[in-house]
Amino acid sequence: MNEAESLFAVLRKSAPADAVAAIERLVAEGSDRDLNRINVLAFAAKNGLKVDDAIAAFLHGSRLGIFVMAWNVLCPGCGGVLGEATSLKGVHEDVYACSLCAAGYEPTLDEMVEIVFTISPRVRHIAGHDPESLSPPEYYRQVFWGSGVDLPVEGLEREFEDATLDILELPGGQKALLTVLLRRARRSASSRSPTPPTSSSRGEPTKERQNVAIAYNDLSPPSGRSVVHAGQLRLALENQTKHRVLPTVWIRNDRMHQILSSRRPFLTARRLLTNQTFRDLFRADALDVNQRSGSSA
């Protein structure tokens, strides 16, 4: 019996049988995408499970090392992931900024902190374990947006084609120039690991070339907002990190808004703290949730 089989043998004794059976099918037959940042509520609905049974099974699986549990701070506007932690203790910023929405938000436990589960490499290796191996569309799907954004199953790149002016894969330690032509419409430059600032175009077009410099480092993501005129915009990009970044220039148009407005329920921190299995298995984290719940409500 290999390690994965041993772990599932213990899980069968610890969690509801139908939920464990559904998880075993997922691990054996699911795609890499299916096993990255799993939305437990969607999983329960798809498999006809009681939500509490599914939550209990994933919590036991996380405790055993079958899954890695993550606490993601979400933007209430676009649904993007603004921060990631392995427990509530990692959600410690007073304000989380979203460059796509050009706004900052104080984290709350109800609709801004989601709990997701990713298969452990001990059980099965997936592309999501190495985010830099993901294509830009898959990176945005699996890493950029939270599990509550109900993205199209296929053709995400095609759906975003009209909203994408340009996209660049910039390796660690590299510099690049990105030139785009802006019309008189609102624009956002966006990426993860980390996120560049937002720009908007307005006013009369200009024939002069406009320049914006963006530097990425490990200390803090670029932030802020700049106003530029319609016309040619040149972005001077410098990646000072050791990791790939994905500078992308998006048009915040009606189609993008329509796609990102399609939402589905997800497991929130507030719901998790009321779950008895979580309290039993992760008592220290449960106490921390109670300590923070008053100021984060």
Protein backbone atom coordinates (compact mmCIF):
# COMPACT_ATOMS: atom_id res chain seq x y z
CA MET A 1 0.00 0.00 0.00
CA ASN A 2 1.51 3.37 -1.07
CA GLU A 3 1.29 6.58 0.97
CA ALA A 4 -1.81 7.92 -0.80
CA GLU A 5 -3.69 4.66 -0.28
CA SER A 6 -2.73 4.67 3.40
CA LEU A 7 -3.98 8.25 3.81
CA PHE A 8 -7.32 7.47 2.16
CA ALA A 9 -7.69 4.34 4.33
CA VAL A 10 -7.50 6.60 7.40
CA LEU A 11 -9.83 9.18 5.79
CA ARG A 12 -12.50 6.51 5.20
CA LYS A 13 -12.58 5.89 8.95
CA SER A 14 -12.76 9.59 9.80
CA ALA A 15 -15.23 11.22 7.38
CA PRO A 16 -18.63 10.47 5.79
CA ALA A 17 -18.32 7.58 3.36
CA ASP A 18 -20.11 9.16 0.38
CA ALA A 19 -18.01 12.32 0.63
CA VAL A 20 -14.77 10.32 0.82
CA ALA A 21 -15.82 8.22 -2.19
CA ALA A 22 -16.48 11.38 -4.20
CA ILE A 23 -13.08 12.79 -3.24
CA GLU A 24 -11.33 9.56 -4.25
CA ARG A 25 -13.02 9.74 -7.67
CA LEU A 26 -11.93 13.36 -8.01
CA VAL A 27 -8.31 12.54 -7.20
CA ALA A 28 -8.27 9.56 -9.56
CA GLU A 29 -10.21 11.02 -12.50
CA GLY A 30 -10.22 14.80 -12.14
CA SER A 31 -8.10 17.16 -14.21
CA ASP A 32 -5.26 19.17 -12.73
CA ARG A 33 -7.55 22.20 -12.78
CA ASP A 34 -10.21 20.28 -10.82
CA LEU A 35 -7.73 19.61 -8.01
CA ASN A 36 -6.47 23.17 -7.57
CA ARG A 37 -8.27 25.54 -5.17
CA ILE A 38 -11.35 23.35 -4.85
CA ASN A 39 -14.63 25.11 -4.07
CA VAL A 40 -16.16 22.73 -1.50
CA LEU A 41 -19.72 24.05 -1.91
CA ALA A 42 -19.58 23.55 -5.68
CA PHE A 43 -18.07 20.09 -5.15
CA ALA A 44 -20.89 19.13 -2.78
CA ALA A 45 -23.57 20.36 -5.20
CA LYS A 46 -22.02 18.52 -8.17
CA ASN A 47 -21.82 15.23 -6.25
CA GLY A 48 -25.15 15.45 -4.42
CA LEU A 49 -23.51 15.63 -0.99
CA LYS A 50 -24.56 17.36 2.19
CA VAL A 51 -22.44 20.48 2.49
CA ASP A 52 -21.36 19.75 6.06
CA ASP A 53 -20.31 16.22 5.07
CA ALA A 54 -18.18 17.58 2.23
CA ILE A 55 -16.60 20.21 4.48
CA ALA A 56 -15.83 17.58 7.11
CA ALA A 57 -14.21 15.28 4.55
CA PHE A 58 -11.98 18.01 3.16
CA LEU A 59 -11.01 19.16 6.65
CA HIS A 60 -10.05 15.64 7.67
CA GLY A 61 -8.20 15.29 4.37
CA SER A 62 -6.33 18.50 5.07
CA ARG A 63 -5.42 17.33 8.56
CA LEU A 64 -4.06 14.08 7.13
CA GLY A 65 -2.04 15.86 4.46
CA ILE A 66 -4.16 14.85 1.46
CA PHE A 67 -5.08 18.48 0.82
CA VAL A 68 -3.54 21.87 1.54
CA MET A 69 -6.06 24.35 2.94
CA ALA A 70 -5.72 28.03 1.95
CA TRP A 71 -7.40 31.20 3.22
CA ASN A 72 -7.76 33.70 0.38
CA VAL A 73 -8.70 37.35 0.76
CA LEU A 74 -10.99 38.28 -2.14
CA CYS A 75 -11.86 41.54 -3.82
CA PRO A 76 -15.62 42.08 -3.32
CA GLY A 77 -15.70 43.86 -6.68
CA CYS A 78 -14.00 41.64 -9.28
CA GLY A 79 -13.59 38.49 -7.15
CA GLY A 80 -9.81 38.45 -7.54
CA VAL A 81 -7.49 37.00 -4.91
CA LEU A 82 -5.78 39.86 -3.06
CA GLY A 83 -3.88 37.76 -0.53
CA GLU A 84 -3.29 34.12 0.40
CA ALA A 85 -2.51 32.46 3.72
CA THR A 86 -2.37 28.97 5.21
CA SER A 87 -4.46 30.02 8.21
CA LEU A 88 -6.43 33.00 9.49
CA LYS A 89 -3.28 34.24 11.24
CA GLY A 90 -1.92 35.06 7.78
CA VAL A 91 -4.79 37.46 7.07
CA HIS A 92 -3.21 40.38 8.87
CA GLU A 93 -3.28 43.41 6.54
CA ASP A 94 -5.62 46.22 7.55
CA VAL A 95 -6.42 46.99 3.91
CA TYR A 96 -6.01 44.86 0.78
CA ALA A 97 -5.74 46.78 -2.51
CA CYS A 98 -7.17 45.62 -5.85
CA SER A 99 -5.58 47.23 -8.88
CA LEU A 100 -8.26 45.99 -11.26
CA CYS A 101 -10.93 47.82 -9.27
CA ALA A 102 -8.58 50.62 -8.13
CA ALA A 103 -9.89 50.28 -4.58
CA GLY A 104 -8.82 49.10 -1.13
CA TYR A 105 -10.85 46.87 1.18
CA GLU A 106 -10.72 45.92 4.85
CA PRO A 107 -10.98 42.11 5.07
CA THR A 108 -14.15 40.62 6.55
CA LEU A 109 -14.84 36.99 7.41
CA ASP A 110 -18.15 36.67 5.61
CA GLU A 111 -17.69 37.36 1.91
CA MET A 112 -14.03 38.41 1.61
CA VAL A 113 -12.17 35.37 2.98
CA GLU A 114 -12.67 32.08 1.14
CA ILE A 115 -11.40 28.64 2.14
CA VAL A 116 -10.18 26.40 -0.69
CA PHE A 117 -8.36 23.08 -0.86
CA THR A 118 -5.59 21.93 -3.22
CA ILE A 119 -4.40 18.36 -3.58
CA SER A 120 -1.06 17.76 -1.87
CA PRO A 121 1.91 16.81 -4.09
CA ARG A 122 2.32 13.85 -1.74
CA VAL A 123 -0.87 12.44 -3.25
CA ARG A 124 -0.81 13.75 -6.82
CA HIS A 125 1.30 16.35 -8.57
CA ILE A 126 -0.62 18.92 -10.63
CA ALA A 127 0.39 21.90 -12.74
CA GLY A 128 -1.02 24.25 -10.10
CA HIS A 129 1.82 23.27 -7.76
CA ASP A 130 4.08 25.21 -10.13
CA PRO A 131 2.05 28.33 -11.06
CA GLU A 132 4.76 29.55 -13.43
CA SER A 133 4.08 26.50 -15.62
CA LEU A 134 0.47 27.60 -16.19
CA SER A 135 -0.47 29.40 -19.37
CA PRO A 136 -1.74 32.95 -18.77
CA PRO A 137 -5.44 31.96 -19.18
CA GLU A 138 -5.03 29.04 -16.76
CA TYR A 139 -3.05 31.20 -14.35
CA TYR A 140 -5.85 33.75 -14.25
CA ARG A 141 -8.43 30.99 -13.83
CA GLN A 142 -6.62 28.97 -11.17
CA VAL A 143 -4.69 31.68 -9.28
CA PHE A 144 -5.90 35.17 -10.13
CA TRP A 145 -9.64 34.81 -9.44
CA GLY A 146 -11.30 33.23 -6.45
CA SER A 147 -13.44 30.11 -6.55
CA GLY A 148 -16.62 32.20 -6.29
CA VAL A 149 -16.19 33.60 -9.81
CA ASP A 150 -18.09 31.22 -12.10
CA LEU A 151 -15.81 31.38 -15.15
CA PRO A 152 -16.61 29.61 -18.44
CA VAL A 153 -15.44 26.01 -18.36
CA GLU A 154 -13.73 26.37 -21.74
CA GLY A 155 -12.65 29.25 -23.95
CA LEU A 156 -11.68 31.77 -21.28
CA GLU A 157 -8.99 33.22 -23.54
CA ARG A 158 -11.52 33.61 -26.36
CA GLU A 159 -14.07 35.22 -24.04
CA PHE A 160 -11.47 37.77 -22.91
CA GLU A 161 -10.07 38.37 -26.39
CA ASP A 162 -11.95 41.64 -26.95
CA ALA A 163 -10.97 42.87 -23.48
CA THR A 164 -7.25 42.11 -23.81
CA LEU A 165 -5.01 44.68 -25.46
CA ASP A 166 -1.77 42.85 -24.71
CA ILE A 167 -0.20 40.34 -22.36
CA LEU A 168 3.41 39.60 -21.60
CA GLU A 169 5.23 36.82 -19.74
CA LEU A 170 8.14 38.55 -17.98
CA PRO A 171 10.71 36.21 -16.35
CA GLY A 172 12.39 37.08 -13.08
CA GLY A 173 15.14 39.68 -13.32
CA GLN A 174 14.07 40.84 -16.78
CA LYS A 175 12.96 44.18 -18.24
CA ALA A 176 10.60 44.83 -21.14
CA LEU A 177 8.72 47.55 -22.98
CA LEU A 178 5.03 47.11 -23.74
CA THR A 179 3.32 49.58 -26.07
CA VAL A 180 -0.45 49.76 -26.50
CA LEU A 181 -2.85 52.16 -28.22
CA LEU A 182 -5.54 53.46 -25.88
CA ARG A 183 -8.93 54.60 -27.03
CA ARG A 184 -11.19 56.89 -24.99
CA ALA A 185 -12.26 54.21 -22.56
CA ARG A 186 -11.35 53.02 -19.12
CA ARG A 187 -8.39 50.63 -19.00
CA SER A 188 -6.76 48.46 -16.39
CA ALA A 189 -3.30 46.99 -16.43
CA SER A 190 -3.44 43.85 -14.34
CA SER A 191 -1.43 40.79 -13.36
CA ARG A 192 -0.67 38.62 -10.36
CA SER A 193 2.63 37.96 -8.65
CA PRO A 194 2.25 40.87 -8.08
CA THR A 195 -0.23 43.40 -9.49
CA PRO A 196 0.58 46.59 -11.40
CA PRO A 197 -1.32 49.82 -10.85
CA THR A 198 -4.47 50.83 -12.64
CA SER A 199 -4.48 53.35 -15.47
CA SER A 200 -7.46 55.04 -17.11
CA SER A 201 -7.62 56.94 -20.36
CA ARG A 202 -9.78 60.01 -20.70
CA GLY A 203 -9.86 63.42 -22.32
CA GLU A 204 -8.77 64.33 -25.82
CA PRO A 205 -6.33 62.02 -27.62
CA THR A 206 -2.70 62.99 -27.63
CA LYS A 207 -0.08 62.43 -30.34
CA GLU A 208 2.69 62.42 -27.77
CA ARG A 209 3.89 59.08 -26.47
CA GLN A 210 3.03 58.59 -22.82
CA ASN A 211 5.31 56.61 -20.52
CA VAL A 212 4.51 54.72 -17.33
CA ALA A 213 7.16 52.78 -15.39
CA ILE A 214 6.20 49.74 -13.31
CA ALA A 215 8.62 47.81 -11.09
CA TYR A 216 7.86 44.48 -9.42
CA ASN A 217 9.63 43.46 -6.22
CA ASP A 218 9.20 41.04 -3.32
CA LEU A 219 8.52 43.72 -0.72
CA SER A 220 5.20 45.04 -1.98
CA PRO A 221 3.24 44.97 -5.24
CA PRO A 222 3.12 48.09 -7.40
CA SER A 223 0.08 50.15 -6.56
CA GLY A 224 -1.54 53.44 -7.33
CA ARG A 225 -3.50 54.95 -10.15
CA SER A 226 -2.51 57.10 -13.10
CA VAL A 227 -4.56 59.00 -15.65
CA VAL A 228 -3.39 59.00 -19.25
CA HIS A 229 -4.89 60.32 -22.47
CA ALA A 230 -6.13 58.27 -25.37
CA GLY A 231 -3.21 57.54 -27.65
CA GLN A 232 0.04 55.60 -27.47
CA LEU A 233 1.09 54.35 -24.02
CA ARG A 234 4.46 52.76 -23.38
CA LEU A 235 4.89 50.69 -20.23
CA ALA A 236 8.47 50.25 -18.99
CA LEU A 237 8.36 47.02 -16.97
CA GLU A 238 11.03 45.71 -14.63
CA ASN A 239 10.68 42.40 -12.80
CA GLN A 240 13.00 42.57 -9.77
CA THR A 241 11.70 39.27 -8.38
CA LYS A 242 12.92 35.74 -9.11
CA HIS A 243 9.50 34.72 -10.42
CA ARG A 244 7.52 35.24 -13.60
CA VAL A 245 4.98 38.05 -13.70
CA LEU A 246 2.18 38.51 -16.22
CA PRO A 247 1.66 42.19 -17.07
CA THR A 248 -1.65 42.37 -18.92
CA VAL A 249 -3.52 45.36 -20.32
CA TRP A 250 -7.26 44.81 -20.14
CA ILE A 251 -10.18 46.93 -21.29
CA ARG A 252 -12.74 47.03 -18.52
CA ASN A 253 -15.60 46.60 -20.97
CA ASP A 254 -19.13 45.26 -20.68
CA ARG A 255 -18.12 41.70 -21.63
CA MET A 256 -15.50 41.49 -18.91
CA HIS A 257 -17.98 42.90 -16.40
CA GLN A 258 -20.56 40.30 -17.48
CA ILE A 259 -18.12 37.41 -17.06
CA LEU A 260 -16.86 38.54 -13.65
CA SER A 261 -20.40 39.22 -12.40
CA SER A 262 -21.29 35.53 -12.70
CA ARG A 263 -20.80 34.22 -9.15
CA ARG A 264 -21.37 31.04 -7.16
CA PRO A 265 -21.32 30.32 -3.41
CA PHE A 266 -18.01 29.48 -1.74
CA LEU A 267 -16.88 28.41 1.72
CA THR A 268 -16.35 31.56 3.78
CA ALA A 269 -14.24 31.92 6.90
CA ARG A 270 -17.32 32.81 8.93
CA ARG A 271 -19.10 29.62 7.88
CA LEU A 272 -16.03 27.53 8.59
CA LEU A 273 -15.67 28.84 12.13
CA THR A 274 -19.16 27.51 12.96
CA ASN A 275 -18.29 24.04 11.65
CA GLN A 276 -17.79 21.58 14.48
CA THR A 277 -15.27 19.47 12.59
CA PHE A 278 -13.10 22.53 12.06
CA ARG A 279 -13.32 23.39 15.75
CA ASP A 280 -12.35 19.85 16.70
CA LEU A 281 -9.44 19.49 14.26
CA PHE A 282 -8.08 23.04 14.14
CA ARG A 283 -8.80 24.31 17.64
CA ALA A 284 -6.01 26.92 17.65
CA ASP A 285 -7.23 28.44 14.38
CA ALA A 286 -10.82 28.35 15.63
CA LEU A 287 -9.86 30.39 18.68
CA ASP A 288 -8.05 32.88 16.48
CA VAL A 289 -11.16 33.24 14.33
CA ASN A 290 -13.25 33.98 17.42
CA GLN A 291 -10.78 36.61 18.55
CA ARG A 292 -10.95 38.40 15.21
CA SER A 293 -14.63 37.93 14.41
CA GLY A 294 -15.80 41.00 16.29
CA SER A 295 -13.57 43.44 14.42
CA SER A 296 -13.90 41.67 11.09
CA ALA A 297 -17.65 41.29 10.96
